[in-house]
Amino acid sequence: MLESLKMIDKHVKSWMEEVRVKVIASFNDNLDIKTKSGPKDLVTNIDREVEEFYKEKIRKYYPGSEIIGEESTHGTMKFKNCGLLWVIDPIDGTMNFVKQKNHFASMLAVYQKGVGVRGYIFDVMQDKLYWGGPDIGVYCNQKKIEPPRNDKLSNGLFGVGAPLLINNYHNLQKVALESCGTRIYGCSGIQFIHVLNGQCVAYISYLRPWDYAAGKVLAETLGLVVKTIDGQAIDMLSSSDVLVATKNAQKDITRIVQSTY
């Protein structure tokens, strides 16, 4: 499997460079923008084109793979029973892509028999690819990154999804107050990166599998905690609140959350 993972790394890096060219070229075009679940849940022709590009490449080079894509029909696949499974988020942070042309990511994750073996989060506009897995560690482009310091909540910034904070989900406003400050970017990939590289000690939001599949592989490789807010294991085919944090920050958040019960 080691040799095949090296080939996957090589392929994904080249695919994502092609995606970057496609995405930047699209800035000069009129986007076809539609809504999905509501007016703030957008999808564009570029989301669909990038996902289809990835799917075509996967089917060509890794026939027989299962694929879950944000813009695809997801079906009733059993995550643990499949061989090679690819999870695609073509443009994570579509609102940012549309409104800012910045602060969005393209993400791929590879799981084998239910185990995460590779995660790729590409900060498109910064041209920085965070990638790796448990056998090799985590890299930013070609530089291996070290695990972030195991800081407490009070020593770091706290990334959070806006709806959870506004609605004070499980006392998250108190969590925010006990941190050094909050950061809201509207892109789970970017916010996962900030925890991976130590810019934030934690990030929580309500996420779907394609929002966190890649980040979970990378975060756990670096020794970070990826759980639900109440400390439960993540069901990889379900949407739920997802917390990624240093071990100490996770303990602090759990203490505050449990104080609401």
C-alpha atoms as a PDB file:
ATOM      1  CA  MET A   1       0.000   0.000   0.000  1.00  0.00           C
ATOM      2  CA  LEU A   2       2.970   2.325   0.654  1.00  0.00           C
ATOM      3  CA  GLU A   3       3.911   2.512  -3.007  1.00  0.00           C
ATOM      4  CA  SER A   4       0.308   3.101  -4.027  1.00  0.00           C
ATOM      5  CA  LEU A   5       0.021   5.939  -1.492  1.00  0.00           C
ATOM      6  CA  LYS A   6       3.099   7.573  -3.003  1.00  0.00           C
ATOM      7  CA  MET A   7       1.406   7.393  -6.396  1.00  0.00           C
ATOM      8  CA  ILE A   8      -1.800   8.826  -4.956  1.00  0.00           C
ATOM      9  CA  ASP A   9       0.213  11.727  -3.500  1.00  0.00           C
ATOM     10  CA  LYS A  10       1.803  12.383  -6.879  1.00  0.00           C
ATOM     11  CA  HIS A  11      -1.515  12.294  -8.703  1.00  0.00           C
ATOM     12  CA  VAL A  12      -3.453  14.429  -6.222  1.00  0.00           C
ATOM     13  CA  LYS A  13      -0.785  17.138  -6.182  1.00  0.00           C
ATOM     14  CA  SER A  14      -0.914  17.400  -9.967  1.00  0.00           C
ATOM     15  CA  TRP A  15      -4.718  17.367 -10.004  1.00  0.00           C
ATOM     16  CA  MET A  16      -4.905  20.170  -7.473  1.00  0.00           C
ATOM     17  CA  GLU A  17      -2.500  22.321  -9.462  1.00  0.00           C
ATOM     18  CA  GLU A  18      -4.790  21.872 -12.451  1.00  0.00           C
ATOM     19  CA  VAL A  19      -7.758  22.820 -10.271  1.00  0.00           C
ATOM     20  CA  ARG A  20      -5.982  25.993  -9.166  1.00  0.00           C
ATOM     21  CA  VAL A  21      -5.529  27.049 -12.781  1.00  0.00           C
ATOM     22  CA  LYS A  22      -9.199  26.320 -13.553  1.00  0.00           C
ATOM     23  CA  VAL A  23     -10.455  28.191 -10.498  1.00  0.00           C
ATOM     24  CA  ILE A  24      -8.344  31.316 -11.017  1.00  0.00           C
ATOM     25  CA  ALA A  25      -9.288  31.405 -14.698  1.00  0.00           C
ATOM     26  CA  SER A  26     -12.952  31.339 -13.666  1.00  0.00           C
ATOM     27  CA  PHE A  27     -12.591  34.728 -11.937  1.00  0.00           C
ATOM     28  CA  ASN A  28     -12.973  36.350 -15.342  1.00  0.00           C
ATOM     29  CA  ASP A  29     -16.170  34.449 -16.135  1.00  0.00           C
ATOM     30  CA  ASN A  30     -19.770  34.928 -15.091  1.00  0.00           C
ATOM     31  CA  LEU A  31     -20.474  32.232 -12.530  1.00  0.00           C
ATOM     32  CA  ASP A  32     -23.627  30.131 -12.656  1.00  0.00           C
ATOM     33  CA  ILE A  33     -24.675  30.408  -9.001  1.00  0.00           C
ATOM     34  CA  LYS A  34     -27.506  28.396  -7.496  1.00  0.00           C
ATOM     35  CA  THR A  35     -28.723  27.764  -3.956  1.00  0.00           C
ATOM     36  CA  LYS A  36     -29.070  24.372  -2.287  1.00  0.00           C
ATOM     37  CA  SER A  37     -30.586  24.147   1.200  1.00  0.00           C
ATOM     38  CA  GLY A  38     -31.050  27.904   1.518  1.00  0.00           C
ATOM     39  CA  PRO A  39     -29.949  31.342   0.267  1.00  0.00           C
ATOM     40  CA  LYS A  40     -26.596  31.117   2.067  1.00  0.00           C
ATOM     41  CA  ASP A  41     -25.822  27.591   0.821  1.00  0.00           C
ATOM     42  CA  LEU A  42     -24.413  28.168  -2.649  1.00  0.00           C
ATOM     43  CA  VAL A  43     -23.163  25.982  -5.453  1.00  0.00           C
ATOM     44  CA  THR A  44     -21.555  27.190  -8.663  1.00  0.00           C
ATOM     45  CA  ASN A  45     -20.695  25.666 -11.998  1.00  0.00           C
ATOM     46  CA  ILE A  46     -17.072  25.635 -10.809  1.00  0.00           C
ATOM     47  CA  ASP A  47     -17.959  23.465  -7.779  1.00  0.00           C
ATOM     48  CA  ARG A  48     -19.598  20.980 -10.122  1.00  0.00           C
ATOM     49  CA  GLU A  49     -16.825  21.122 -12.735  1.00  0.00           C
ATOM     50  CA  VAL A  50     -14.051  20.617 -10.182  1.00  0.00           C
ATOM     51  CA  GLU A  51     -15.837  17.688  -8.575  1.00  0.00           C
ATOM     52  CA  GLU A  52     -16.392  16.079 -11.952  1.00  0.00           C
ATOM     53  CA  PHE A  53     -12.711  16.646 -12.804  1.00  0.00           C
ATOM     54  CA  TYR A  54     -11.631  14.820  -9.640  1.00  0.00           C
ATOM     55  CA  LYS A  55     -14.085  11.993 -10.260  1.00  0.00           C
ATOM     56  CA  GLU A  56     -12.850  11.486 -13.813  1.00  0.00           C
ATOM     57  CA  LYS A  57      -9.246  11.322 -12.628  1.00  0.00           C
ATOM     58  CA  ILE A  58     -10.070   8.890  -9.813  1.00  0.00           C
ATOM     59  CA  ARG A  59     -12.003   6.593 -12.148  1.00  0.00           C
ATOM     60  CA  LYS A  60      -9.164   6.649 -14.668  1.00  0.00           C
ATOM     61  CA  TYR A  61      -6.290   5.937 -12.286  1.00  0.00           C
ATOM     62  CA  TYR A  62      -8.086   4.109  -9.446  1.00  0.00           C
ATOM     63  CA  PRO A  63     -10.949   2.163 -11.042  1.00  0.00           C
ATOM     64  CA  GLY A  64     -13.193   0.431  -8.564  1.00  0.00           C
ATOM     65  CA  SER A  65     -12.878   3.195  -5.997  1.00  0.00           C
ATOM     66  CA  GLU A  66     -15.960   4.447  -4.205  1.00  0.00           C
ATOM     67  CA  ILE A  67     -16.542   8.198  -4.259  1.00  0.00           C
ATOM     68  CA  ILE A  68     -18.485  10.563  -2.021  1.00  0.00           C
ATOM     69  CA  GLY A  69     -18.693  14.095  -3.398  1.00  0.00           C
ATOM     70  CA  GLU A  70     -20.458  17.141  -2.034  1.00  0.00           C
ATOM     71  CA  GLU A  71     -22.280  17.771  -5.299  1.00  0.00           C
ATOM     72  CA  SER A  72     -22.996  14.085  -6.033  1.00  0.00           C
ATOM     73  CA  THR A  73     -25.679  11.640  -5.074  1.00  0.00           C
ATOM     74  CA  HIS A  74     -24.350  10.109  -1.890  1.00  0.00           C
ATOM     75  CA  GLY A  75     -26.375   6.923  -1.789  1.00  0.00           C
ATOM     76  CA  THR A  76     -26.282   4.442   1.065  1.00  0.00           C
ATOM     77  CA  MET A  77     -22.628   3.439   1.023  1.00  0.00           C
ATOM     78  CA  LYS A  78     -21.271   1.648   4.065  1.00  0.00           C
ATOM     79  CA  PHE A  79     -18.082   3.511   4.918  1.00  0.00           C
ATOM     80  CA  LYS A  80     -16.226   0.670   6.657  1.00  0.00           C
ATOM     81  CA  ASN A  81     -16.906  -2.002   4.060  1.00  0.00           C
ATOM     82  CA  CYS A  82     -15.506  -0.377   0.954  1.00  0.00           C
ATOM     83  CA  GLY A  83     -11.929  -0.715  -0.270  1.00  0.00           C
ATOM     84  CA  LEU A  84     -10.624   2.626  -1.458  1.00  0.00           C
ATOM     85  CA  LEU A  85     -12.986   5.511  -0.733  1.00  0.00           C
ATOM     86  CA  TRP A  86     -12.449   9.090  -1.897  1.00  0.00           C
ATOM     87  CA  VAL A  87     -14.281  11.983  -0.235  1.00  0.00           C
ATOM     88  CA  ILE A  88     -14.404  15.178  -2.308  1.00  0.00           C
ATOM     89  CA  ASP A  89     -15.175  18.773  -1.381  1.00  0.00           C
ATOM     90  CA  PRO A  90     -14.415  20.573  -4.647  1.00  0.00           C
ATOM     91  CA  ILE A  91     -14.759  24.136  -3.332  1.00  0.00           C
ATOM     92  CA  ASP A  92     -15.071  24.413   0.428  1.00  0.00           C
ATOM     93  CA  GLY A  93     -16.232  27.904   1.335  1.00  0.00           C
ATOM     94  CA  THR A  94     -18.250  28.606  -1.808  1.00  0.00           C
ATOM     95  CA  MET A  95     -19.666  31.849  -0.390  1.00  0.00           C
ATOM     96  CA  ASN A  96     -16.099  33.111   0.119  1.00  0.00           C
ATOM     97  CA  PHE A  97     -15.201  31.960  -3.378  1.00  0.00           C
ATOM     98  CA  VAL A  98     -18.132  33.907  -4.838  1.00  0.00           C
ATOM     99  CA  LYS A  99     -17.928  37.049  -2.688  1.00  0.00           C
ATOM    100  CA  GLN A 100     -14.211  37.362  -1.900  1.00  0.00           C
ATOM    101  CA  LYS A 101     -12.333  35.168  -4.369  1.00  0.00           C
ATOM    102  CA  ASN A 102     -10.309  34.137  -1.341  1.00  0.00           C
ATOM    103  CA  HIS A 103     -10.453  32.057   1.858  1.00  0.00           C
ATOM    104  CA  PHE A 104     -11.673  28.834   0.232  1.00  0.00           C
ATOM    105  CA  ALA A 105     -10.151  25.392  -0.152  1.00  0.00           C
ATOM    106  CA  SER A 106     -10.327  22.274  -2.273  1.00  0.00           C
ATOM    107  CA  MET A 107     -10.228  19.026  -0.309  1.00  0.00           C
ATOM    108  CA  LEU A 108      -9.777  15.321  -0.914  1.00  0.00           C
ATOM    109  CA  ALA A 109      -9.590  12.473   1.571  1.00  0.00           C
ATOM    110  CA  VAL A 110      -8.695   8.843   0.971  1.00  0.00           C
ATOM    111  CA  TYR A 111      -9.959   6.093   3.262  1.00  0.00           C
ATOM    112  CA  GLN A 112      -9.183   2.392   2.979  1.00  0.00           C
ATOM    113  CA  LYS A 113     -11.570  -0.032   4.662  1.00  0.00           C
ATOM    114  CA  GLY A 114     -12.813   2.779   6.859  1.00  0.00           C
ATOM    115  CA  VAL A 115      -9.371   4.016   7.911  1.00  0.00           C
ATOM    116  CA  GLY A 116      -8.146   7.455   6.857  1.00  0.00           C
ATOM    117  CA  VAL A 117      -4.854   7.079   4.981  1.00  0.00           C
ATOM    118  CA  ARG A 118      -4.564  10.468   3.246  1.00  0.00           C
ATOM    119  CA  GLY A 119      -5.936  13.958   3.639  1.00  0.00           C
ATOM    120  CA  TYR A 120      -5.391  16.916   1.308  1.00  0.00           C
ATOM    121  CA  ILE A 121      -6.511  20.483   2.035  1.00  0.00           C
ATOM    122  CA  PHE A 122      -5.496  22.974  -0.647  1.00  0.00           C
ATOM    123  CA  ASP A 123      -5.616  26.672   0.236  1.00  0.00           C
ATOM    124  CA  VAL A 124      -6.047  27.654  -3.385  1.00  0.00           C
ATOM    125  CA  MET A 125      -5.231  31.357  -3.252  1.00  0.00           C
ATOM    126  CA  GLN A 126      -2.192  30.895  -0.994  1.00  0.00           C
ATOM    127  CA  ASP A 127      -1.050  27.957  -3.152  1.00  0.00           C
ATOM    128  CA  LYS A 128      -0.472  25.909   0.004  1.00  0.00           C
ATOM    129  CA  LEU A 129      -1.314  22.226   0.109  1.00  0.00           C
ATOM    130  CA  TYR A 130      -1.588  20.576   3.514  1.00  0.00           C
ATOM    131  CA  TRP A 131      -1.355  16.847   2.971  1.00  0.00           C
ATOM    132  CA  GLY A 132      -0.256  13.577   4.533  1.00  0.00           C
ATOM    133  CA  GLY A 133      -1.348  10.678   6.660  1.00  0.00           C
ATOM    134  CA  PRO A 134      -0.412   8.487   9.605  1.00  0.00           C
ATOM    135  CA  ASP A 135       2.481   6.749   7.813  1.00  0.00           C
ATOM    136  CA  ILE A 136       4.381   9.904   6.786  1.00  0.00           C
ATOM    137  CA  GLY A 137       3.155  12.818   8.912  1.00  0.00           C
ATOM    138  CA  VAL A 138       1.746  16.106   7.648  1.00  0.00           C
ATOM    139  CA  TYR A 139       3.305  18.493   5.149  1.00  0.00           C
ATOM    140  CA  CYS A 140       2.665  21.999   3.900  1.00  0.00           C
ATOM    141  CA  ASN A 141       3.775  21.727   0.299  1.00  0.00           C
ATOM    142  CA  GLN A 142       7.197  20.061   0.700  1.00  0.00           C
ATOM    143  CA  LYS A 143       7.890  21.054   4.322  1.00  0.00           C
ATOM    144  CA  LYS A 144       6.957  18.677   7.112  1.00  0.00           C
ATOM    145  CA  ILE A 145       5.098  20.413   9.913  1.00  0.00           C
ATOM    146  CA  GLU A 146       5.435  19.611  13.585  1.00  0.00           C
ATOM    147  CA  PRO A 147       2.450  18.960  15.844  1.00  0.00           C
ATOM    148  CA  PRO A 148       1.137  22.211  17.345  1.00  0.00           C
ATOM    149  CA  ARG A 149       1.750  22.983  21.001  1.00  0.00           C
ATOM    150  CA  ASN A 150      -0.783  21.421  23.344  1.00  0.00           C
ATOM    151  CA  ASP A 151      -2.106  24.813  24.441  1.00  0.00           C
ATOM    152  CA  LYS A 152      -5.087  25.382  26.705  1.00  0.00           C
ATOM    153  CA  LEU A 153      -8.170  27.205  25.482  1.00  0.00           C
ATOM    154  CA  SER A 154      -7.159  30.329  27.418  1.00  0.00           C
ATOM    155  CA  ASN A 155      -3.849  30.492  25.545  1.00  0.00           C
ATOM    156  CA  GLY A 156      -5.200  30.439  22.011  1.00  0.00           C
ATOM    157  CA  LEU A 157      -7.737  31.543  19.452  1.00  0.00           C
ATOM    158  CA  PHE A 158     -11.016  29.675  18.993  1.00  0.00           C
ATOM    159  CA  GLY A 159     -12.431  29.032  15.525  1.00  0.00           C
ATOM    160  CA  VAL A 160     -16.180  28.531  15.351  1.00  0.00           C
ATOM    161  CA  GLY A 161     -19.050  28.345  12.896  1.00  0.00           C
ATOM    162  CA  ALA A 162     -21.147  31.509  13.113  1.00  0.00           C
ATOM    163  CA  PRO A 163     -24.571  29.839  13.642  1.00  0.00           C
ATOM    164  CA  LEU A 164     -23.294  27.805  16.598  1.00  0.00           C
ATOM    165  CA  LEU A 165     -21.839  30.872  18.285  1.00  0.00           C
ATOM    166  CA  ILE A 166     -24.838  33.125  17.596  1.00  0.00           C
ATOM    167  CA  ASN A 167     -27.240  30.518  18.987  1.00  0.00           C
ATOM    168  CA  ASN A 168     -24.944  29.741  21.944  1.00  0.00           C
ATOM    169  CA  TYR A 169     -24.920  26.060  21.069  1.00  0.00           C
ATOM    170  CA  HIS A 170     -23.842  24.083  24.157  1.00  0.00           C
ATOM    171  CA  ASN A 171     -22.606  27.267  25.849  1.00  0.00           C
ATOM    172  CA  LEU A 172     -20.123  28.107  23.074  1.00  0.00           C
ATOM    173  CA  GLN A 173     -20.306  31.811  23.896  1.00  0.00           C
ATOM    174  CA  LYS A 174     -18.646  31.008  27.229  1.00  0.00           C
ATOM    175  CA  VAL A 175     -16.052  28.909  25.381  1.00  0.00           C
ATOM    176  CA  ALA A 176     -15.340  31.926  23.192  1.00  0.00           C
ATOM    177  CA  LEU A 177     -15.014  34.217  26.212  1.00  0.00           C
ATOM    178  CA  GLU A 178     -12.488  31.900  27.868  1.00  0.00           C
ATOM    179  CA  SER A 179     -10.311  31.849  24.732  1.00  0.00           C
ATOM    180  CA  CYS A 180      -8.037  34.654  23.534  1.00  0.00           C
ATOM    181  CA  GLY A 181     -10.629  35.481  20.874  1.00  0.00           C
ATOM    182  CA  THR A 182     -12.793  33.979  18.135  1.00  0.00           C
ATOM    183  CA  ARG A 183     -12.146  33.551  14.425  1.00  0.00           C
ATOM    184  CA  ILE A 184     -14.886  32.872  11.865  1.00  0.00           C
ATOM    185  CA  TYR A 185     -13.847  32.261   8.242  1.00  0.00           C
ATOM    186  CA  GLY A 186     -16.769  30.377   6.719  1.00  0.00           C
ATOM    187  CA  CYS A 187     -14.529  27.616   5.394  1.00  0.00           C
ATOM    188  CA  SER A 188     -13.864  24.454   7.377  1.00  0.00           C
ATOM    189  CA  GLY A 189     -10.753  23.644   5.350  1.00  0.00           C
ATOM    190  CA  ILE A 190      -9.102  26.970   6.192  1.00  0.00           C
ATOM    191  CA  GLN A 191     -10.105  26.645   9.841  1.00  0.00           C
ATOM    192  CA  PHE A 192      -8.735  23.097  10.044  1.00  0.00           C
ATOM    193  CA  ILE A 193      -5.458  24.473   8.666  1.00  0.00           C
ATOM    194  CA  HIS A 194      -5.350  27.064  11.440  1.00  0.00           C
ATOM    195  CA  VAL A 195      -5.559  24.322  14.071  1.00  0.00           C
ATOM    196  CA  LEU A 196      -3.017  22.144  12.242  1.00  0.00           C
ATOM    197  CA  ASN A 197      -0.430  24.917  12.197  1.00  0.00           C
ATOM    198  CA  GLY A 198      -1.165  26.185  15.713  1.00  0.00           C
ATOM    199  CA  GLN A 199      -2.846  29.471  14.796  1.00  0.00           C
ATOM    200  CA  CYS A 200      -5.972  28.337  16.655  1.00  0.00           C
ATOM    201  CA  VAL A 201      -6.266  25.862  19.520  1.00  0.00           C
ATOM    202  CA  ALA A 202      -9.696  24.634  18.454  1.00  0.00           C
ATOM    203  CA  TYR A 203     -12.378  24.832  15.782  1.00  0.00           C
ATOM    204  CA  ILE A 204     -15.975  23.680  15.955  1.00  0.00           C
ATOM    205  CA  SER A 205     -18.814  23.806  13.471  1.00  0.00           C
ATOM    206  CA  TYR A 206     -21.701  21.735  12.159  1.00  0.00           C
ATOM    207  CA  LEU A 207     -20.096  19.807   9.330  1.00  0.00           C
ATOM    208  CA  ARG A 208     -20.893  17.230   6.680  1.00  0.00           C
ATOM    209  CA  PRO A 209     -18.518  14.344   5.866  1.00  0.00           C
ATOM    210  CA  TRP A 210     -16.835  16.134   2.947  1.00  0.00           C
ATOM    211  CA  ASP A 211     -16.231  19.169   5.192  1.00  0.00           C
ATOM    212  CA  TYR A 212     -14.090  17.247   7.675  1.00  0.00           C
ATOM    213  CA  ALA A 213     -12.897  13.952   6.099  1.00  0.00           C
ATOM    214  CA  ALA A 214      -9.525  15.346   4.975  1.00  0.00           C
ATOM    215  CA  GLY A 215      -9.021  17.493   8.056  1.00  0.00           C
ATOM    216  CA  LYS A 216      -9.720  14.564  10.371  1.00  0.00           C
ATOM    217  CA  VAL A 217      -6.929  12.497   8.823  1.00  0.00           C
ATOM    218  CA  LEU A 218      -4.416  15.348   9.093  1.00  0.00           C
ATOM    219  CA  ALA A 219      -5.445  16.450  12.579  1.00  0.00           C
ATOM    220  CA  GLU A 220      -5.328  12.978  14.084  1.00  0.00           C
ATOM    221  CA  THR A 221      -1.954  12.372  12.448  1.00  0.00           C
ATOM    222  CA  LEU A 222      -0.678  15.395  14.407  1.00  0.00           C
ATOM    223  CA  GLY A 223      -2.145  14.138  17.675  1.00  0.00           C
ATOM    224  CA  LEU A 224      -5.101  16.510  17.743  1.00  0.00           C
ATOM    225  CA  VAL A 225      -8.548  15.479  18.961  1.00  0.00           C
ATOM    226  CA  VAL A 226     -11.406  15.193  16.451  1.00  0.00           C
ATOM    227  CA  LYS A 227     -14.689  14.416  18.231  1.00  0.00           C
ATOM    228  CA  THR A 228     -18.219  15.674  18.626  1.00  0.00           C
ATOM    229  CA  ILE A 229     -18.602  18.499  21.132  1.00  0.00           C
ATOM    230  CA  ASP A 230     -19.566  16.001  23.855  1.00  0.00           C
ATOM    231  CA  GLY A 231     -16.533  13.823  23.193  1.00  0.00           C
ATOM    232  CA  GLN A 232     -18.127  11.120  21.068  1.00  0.00           C
ATOM    233  CA  ALA A 233     -16.508   9.476  18.037  1.00  0.00           C
ATOM    234  CA  ILE A 234     -17.451  10.945  14.662  1.00  0.00           C
ATOM    235  CA  ASP A 235     -19.779   8.897  12.458  1.00  0.00           C
ATOM    236  CA  MET A 236     -18.042   9.414   9.130  1.00  0.00           C
ATOM    237  CA  LEU A 237     -21.260   9.214   7.112  1.00  0.00           C
ATOM    238  CA  SER A 238     -23.197  11.624   9.307  1.00  0.00           C
ATOM    239  CA  SER A 239     -23.440  15.375   9.636  1.00  0.00           C
ATOM    240  CA  SER A 240     -22.854  16.627  13.165  1.00  0.00           C
ATOM    241  CA  ASP A 241     -21.001  19.131  15.264  1.00  0.00           C
ATOM    242  CA  VAL A 242     -17.287  18.427  14.842  1.00  0.00           C
ATOM    243  CA  LEU A 243     -14.589  19.704  17.188  1.00  0.00           C
ATOM    244  CA  VAL A 244     -10.900  19.638  16.308  1.00  0.00           C
ATOM    245  CA  ALA A 245      -8.656  20.803  19.119  1.00  0.00           C
ATOM    246  CA  THR A 246      -5.497  20.315  21.095  1.00  0.00           C
ATOM    247  CA  LYS A 247      -5.982  17.813  23.906  1.00  0.00           C
ATOM    248  CA  ASN A 248      -5.837  20.521  26.557  1.00  0.00           C
ATOM    249  CA  ALA A 249      -8.248  22.825  24.720  1.00  0.00           C
ATOM    250  CA  GLN A 250     -10.636  19.930  24.229  1.00  0.00           C
ATOM    251  CA  LYS A 251     -10.606  19.261  27.984  1.00  0.00           C
ATOM    252  CA  ASP A 252     -11.376  22.918  28.669  1.00  0.00           C
ATOM    253  CA  ILE A 253     -14.209  22.967  26.139  1.00  0.00           C
ATOM    254  CA  THR A 254     -15.668  19.734  27.530  1.00  0.00           C
ATOM    255  CA  ARG A 255     -15.660  21.242  31.039  1.00  0.00           C
ATOM    256  CA  ILE A 256     -17.572  24.310  29.847  1.00  0.00           C
ATOM    257  CA  VAL A 257     -20.018  22.311  27.740  1.00  0.00           C
ATOM    258  CA  GLN A 258     -20.780  19.885  30.559  1.00  0.00           C
ATOM    259  CA  SER A 259     -21.530  22.798  32.878  1.00  0.00           C
ATOM    260  CA  THR A 260     -24.701  23.413  30.818  1.00  0.00           C
ATOM    261  CA  TYR A 261     -26.200  20.024  31.648  1.00  0.00           C
END
